Amino acid sequence: MDAVAQIGPSIRIKGEVTAQEPLTIAGQVEGTIEVNGHVLTVMPDARVHATVMAETIVIGGHMNGSLQAGTRIVVRETAMIDGDLSAPAISVADGATVSGRVETTARPAAALPLAS
């Protein structure tokens, strides 16, 4: 499925957001966000105050809360984050603002290459 669910710039959500497909946020979300097995993208004008879990998290906007990714977190130059980041791989672009704890975790065993 190539579709991406979107929370548009005029949408404000308080509560729990769950998705089984890629999700893009351009509006405001407060609460919890869980994107199982897919990418969560936070656009530059978005404002998110939430506990977030996703396979991959790409942040370009304002984030406040705890972020946990199964594979990676990508922090774009437009991002402003106040919270904790946890993932096997984390990249932070020049110009981004990150305040909080950054923790790289072990990759899941299935993602590790087999020894020859």
C-alpha atoms as a PDB file:
ATOM      1  CA  MET A   1       0.000   0.000   0.000  1.00  0.00           C
ATOM      2  CA  ASP A   2       1.530   3.304  -1.110  1.00  0.00           C
ATOM      3  CA  ALA A   3      -1.017   5.539   0.658  1.00  0.00           C
ATOM      4  CA  VAL A   4       0.112   7.836   3.445  1.00  0.00           C
ATOM      5  CA  ALA A   5      -2.368   8.956   6.096  1.00  0.00           C
ATOM      6  CA  GLN A   6      -2.187  12.700   6.777  1.00  0.00           C
ATOM      7  CA  ILE A   7      -3.150  15.009   9.603  1.00  0.00           C
ATOM      8  CA  GLY A   8      -3.454  18.320   7.767  1.00  0.00           C
ATOM      9  CA  PRO A   9      -2.306  21.760   8.938  1.00  0.00           C
ATOM     10  CA  SER A  10      -5.758  22.834  10.172  1.00  0.00           C
ATOM     11  CA  ILE A  11      -6.350  19.657  12.223  1.00  0.00           C
ATOM     12  CA  ARG A  12      -5.855  19.507  16.008  1.00  0.00           C
ATOM     13  CA  ILE A  13      -6.045  16.169  17.787  1.00  0.00           C
ATOM     14  CA  LYS A  14      -5.997  15.461  21.539  1.00  0.00           C
ATOM     15  CA  GLY A  15      -5.832  11.802  22.477  1.00  0.00           C
ATOM     16  CA  GLU A  16      -4.474   8.605  21.001  1.00  0.00           C
ATOM     17  CA  VAL A  17      -3.454   8.252  17.352  1.00  0.00           C
ATOM     18  CA  THR A  18      -2.655   4.782  16.025  1.00  0.00           C
ATOM     19  CA  ALA A  19      -1.786   3.801  12.464  1.00  0.00           C
ATOM     20  CA  GLN A  20      -0.899   0.655  10.555  1.00  0.00           C
ATOM     21  CA  GLU A  21       0.393   2.706   7.598  1.00  0.00           C
ATOM     22  CA  PRO A  22       2.785   5.636   7.073  1.00  0.00           C
ATOM     23  CA  LEU A  23       1.547   8.824   8.764  1.00  0.00           C
ATOM     24  CA  THR A  24       2.379  12.485   8.070  1.00  0.00           C
ATOM     25  CA  ILE A  25       1.499  15.191  10.588  1.00  0.00           C
ATOM     26  CA  ALA A  26       1.245  18.809   9.438  1.00  0.00           C
ATOM     27  CA  GLY A  27      -1.165  19.947  12.176  1.00  0.00           C
ATOM     28  CA  GLN A  28      -1.201  19.637  15.961  1.00  0.00           C
ATOM     29  CA  VAL A  29      -1.329  16.444  18.018  1.00  0.00           C
ATOM     30  CA  GLU A  30      -1.312  16.094  21.799  1.00  0.00           C
ATOM     31  CA  GLY A  31      -1.353  12.668  23.473  1.00  0.00           C
ATOM     32  CA  THR A  32       0.135   9.444  22.140  1.00  0.00           C
ATOM     33  CA  ILE A  33       1.083   8.413  18.610  1.00  0.00           C
ATOM     34  CA  GLU A  34       1.825   4.834  17.586  1.00  0.00           C
ATOM     35  CA  VAL A  35       2.673   3.942  13.989  1.00  0.00           C
ATOM     36  CA  ASN A  36       3.249   0.193  13.786  1.00  0.00           C
ATOM     37  CA  GLY A  37       5.917  -0.895  11.292  1.00  0.00           C
ATOM     38  CA  HIS A  38       5.906   2.351   9.300  1.00  0.00           C
ATOM     39  CA  VAL A  39       7.269   5.894   9.080  1.00  0.00           C
ATOM     40  CA  LEU A  40       5.938   8.842  11.040  1.00  0.00           C
ATOM     41  CA  THR A  41       6.805  12.201   9.437  1.00  0.00           C
ATOM     42  CA  VAL A  42       6.355  15.484  11.317  1.00  0.00           C
ATOM     43  CA  MET A  43       6.297  18.400   8.881  1.00  0.00           C
ATOM     44  CA  PRO A  44       8.098  21.733   9.579  1.00  0.00           C
ATOM     45  CA  ASP A  45       4.936  23.632  10.645  1.00  0.00           C
ATOM     46  CA  ALA A  46       3.570  20.797  12.816  1.00  0.00           C
ATOM     47  CA  ARG A  47       3.418  20.921  16.603  1.00  0.00           C
ATOM     48  CA  VAL A  48       3.384  17.630  18.481  1.00  0.00           C
ATOM     49  CA  HIS A  49       3.265  17.140  22.258  1.00  0.00           C
ATOM     50  CA  ALA A  50       3.157  13.368  22.607  1.00  0.00           C
ATOM     51  CA  THR A  51       4.696  10.058  23.458  1.00  0.00           C
ATOM     52  CA  VAL A  52       5.642   8.651  20.051  1.00  0.00           C
ATOM     53  CA  MET A  53       6.449   5.114  18.881  1.00  0.00           C
ATOM     54  CA  ALA A  54       7.097   4.216  15.225  1.00  0.00           C
ATOM     55  CA  GLU A  55       9.446   2.150  13.097  1.00  0.00           C
ATOM     56  CA  THR A  56      11.067   5.322  11.721  1.00  0.00           C
ATOM     57  CA  ILE A  57      10.450   8.909  12.877  1.00  0.00           C
ATOM     58  CA  VAL A  58      11.323  11.901  10.667  1.00  0.00           C
ATOM     59  CA  ILE A  59      10.993  15.257  12.435  1.00  0.00           C
ATOM     60  CA  GLY A  60      10.915  18.647  10.775  1.00  0.00           C
ATOM     61  CA  GLY A  61       8.640  20.519  13.200  1.00  0.00           C
ATOM     62  CA  HIS A  62       8.170  21.172  16.912  1.00  0.00           C
ATOM     63  CA  MET A  63       8.159  18.062  19.111  1.00  0.00           C
ATOM     64  CA  ASN A  64       7.738  17.795  22.854  1.00  0.00           C
ATOM     65  CA  GLY A  65       7.754  14.364  24.453  1.00  0.00           C
ATOM     66  CA  SER A  66       9.340  10.951  24.306  1.00  0.00           C
ATOM     67  CA  LEU A  67      10.246   9.453  20.903  1.00  0.00           C
ATOM     68  CA  GLN A  68      11.060   5.769  20.416  1.00  0.00           C
ATOM     69  CA  ALA A  69      11.810   4.257  17.003  1.00  0.00           C
ATOM     70  CA  GLY A  70      12.455   0.647  16.075  1.00  0.00           C
ATOM     71  CA  THR A  71      14.906   1.542  13.291  1.00  0.00           C
ATOM     72  CA  ARG A  72      15.864   5.232  13.215  1.00  0.00           C
ATOM     73  CA  ILE A  73      15.070   8.829  14.072  1.00  0.00           C
ATOM     74  CA  VAL A  74      15.912  11.540  11.543  1.00  0.00           C
ATOM     75  CA  VAL A  75      15.987  15.095  12.872  1.00  0.00           C
ATOM     76  CA  ARG A  76      15.793  17.664  10.062  1.00  0.00           C
ATOM     77  CA  GLU A  77      17.356  21.153  10.194  1.00  0.00           C
ATOM     78  CA  THR A  78      13.934  22.744  10.873  1.00  0.00           C
ATOM     79  CA  ALA A  79      13.206  20.568  13.923  1.00  0.00           C
ATOM     80  CA  MET A  80      12.883  21.825  17.480  1.00  0.00           C
ATOM     81  CA  ILE A  81      12.710  18.968  19.984  1.00  0.00           C
ATOM     82  CA  ASP A  82      12.274  19.029  23.743  1.00  0.00           C
ATOM     83  CA  GLY A  83      12.255  15.424  24.887  1.00  0.00           C
ATOM     84  CA  ASP A  84      13.997  12.073  24.867  1.00  0.00           C
ATOM     85  CA  LEU A  85      14.992  10.229  21.685  1.00  0.00           C
ATOM     86  CA  SER A  86      15.659   6.486  21.593  1.00  0.00           C
ATOM     87  CA  ALA A  87      16.467   4.389  18.489  1.00  0.00           C
ATOM     88  CA  PRO A  88      19.224   2.170  17.052  1.00  0.00           C
ATOM     89  CA  ALA A  89      20.222   5.028  14.697  1.00  0.00           C
ATOM     90  CA  ILE A  90      19.719   8.767  15.233  1.00  0.00           C
ATOM     91  CA  SER A  91      20.796  11.525  12.851  1.00  0.00           C
ATOM     92  CA  VAL A  92      20.589  15.240  13.630  1.00  0.00           C
ATOM     93  CA  ALA A  93      20.978  17.824  10.845  1.00  0.00           C
ATOM     94  CA  ASP A  94      22.874  21.083  11.321  1.00  0.00           C
ATOM     95  CA  GLY A  95      20.490  23.765  12.530  1.00  0.00           C
ATOM     96  CA  ALA A  96      18.173  21.435  14.464  1.00  0.00           C
ATOM     97  CA  THR A  97      17.533  22.097  18.145  1.00  0.00           C
ATOM     98  CA  VAL A  98      17.414  19.102  20.503  1.00  0.00           C
ATOM     99  CA  SER A  99      16.980  19.421  24.260  1.00  0.00           C
ATOM    100  CA  GLY A 100      16.772  16.161  26.172  1.00  0.00           C
ATOM    101  CA  ARG A 101      18.337  12.726  26.276  1.00  0.00           C
ATOM    102  CA  VAL A 102      19.518  10.996  23.098  1.00  0.00           C
ATOM    103  CA  GLU A 103      20.011   7.240  23.396  1.00  0.00           C
ATOM    104  CA  THR A 104      21.077   4.791  20.722  1.00  0.00           C
ATOM    105  CA  THR A 105      19.772   1.306  21.417  1.00  0.00           C
ATOM    106  CA  ALA A 106      20.748  -2.111  20.122  1.00  0.00           C
ATOM    107  CA  ARG A 107      19.275  -3.151  16.806  1.00  0.00           C
ATOM    108  CA  PRO A 108      16.769  -5.999  17.018  1.00  0.00           C
ATOM    109  CA  ALA A 109      18.374  -9.402  16.467  1.00  0.00           C
ATOM    110  CA  ALA A 110      16.540  -9.877  13.151  1.00  0.00           C
ATOM    111  CA  ALA A 111      18.189  -6.717  11.778  1.00  0.00           C
ATOM    112  CA  LEU A 112      21.749  -7.782  12.631  1.00  0.00           C
ATOM    113  CA  PRO A 113      23.825  -9.249   9.776  1.00  0.00           C
ATOM    114  CA  LEU A 114      24.778 -12.892  10.111  1.00  0.00           C
ATOM    115  CA  ALA A 115      28.441 -13.586  10.841  1.00  0.00           C
ATOM    116  CA  SER A 116      30.329 -15.327   8.022  1.00  0.00           C
END
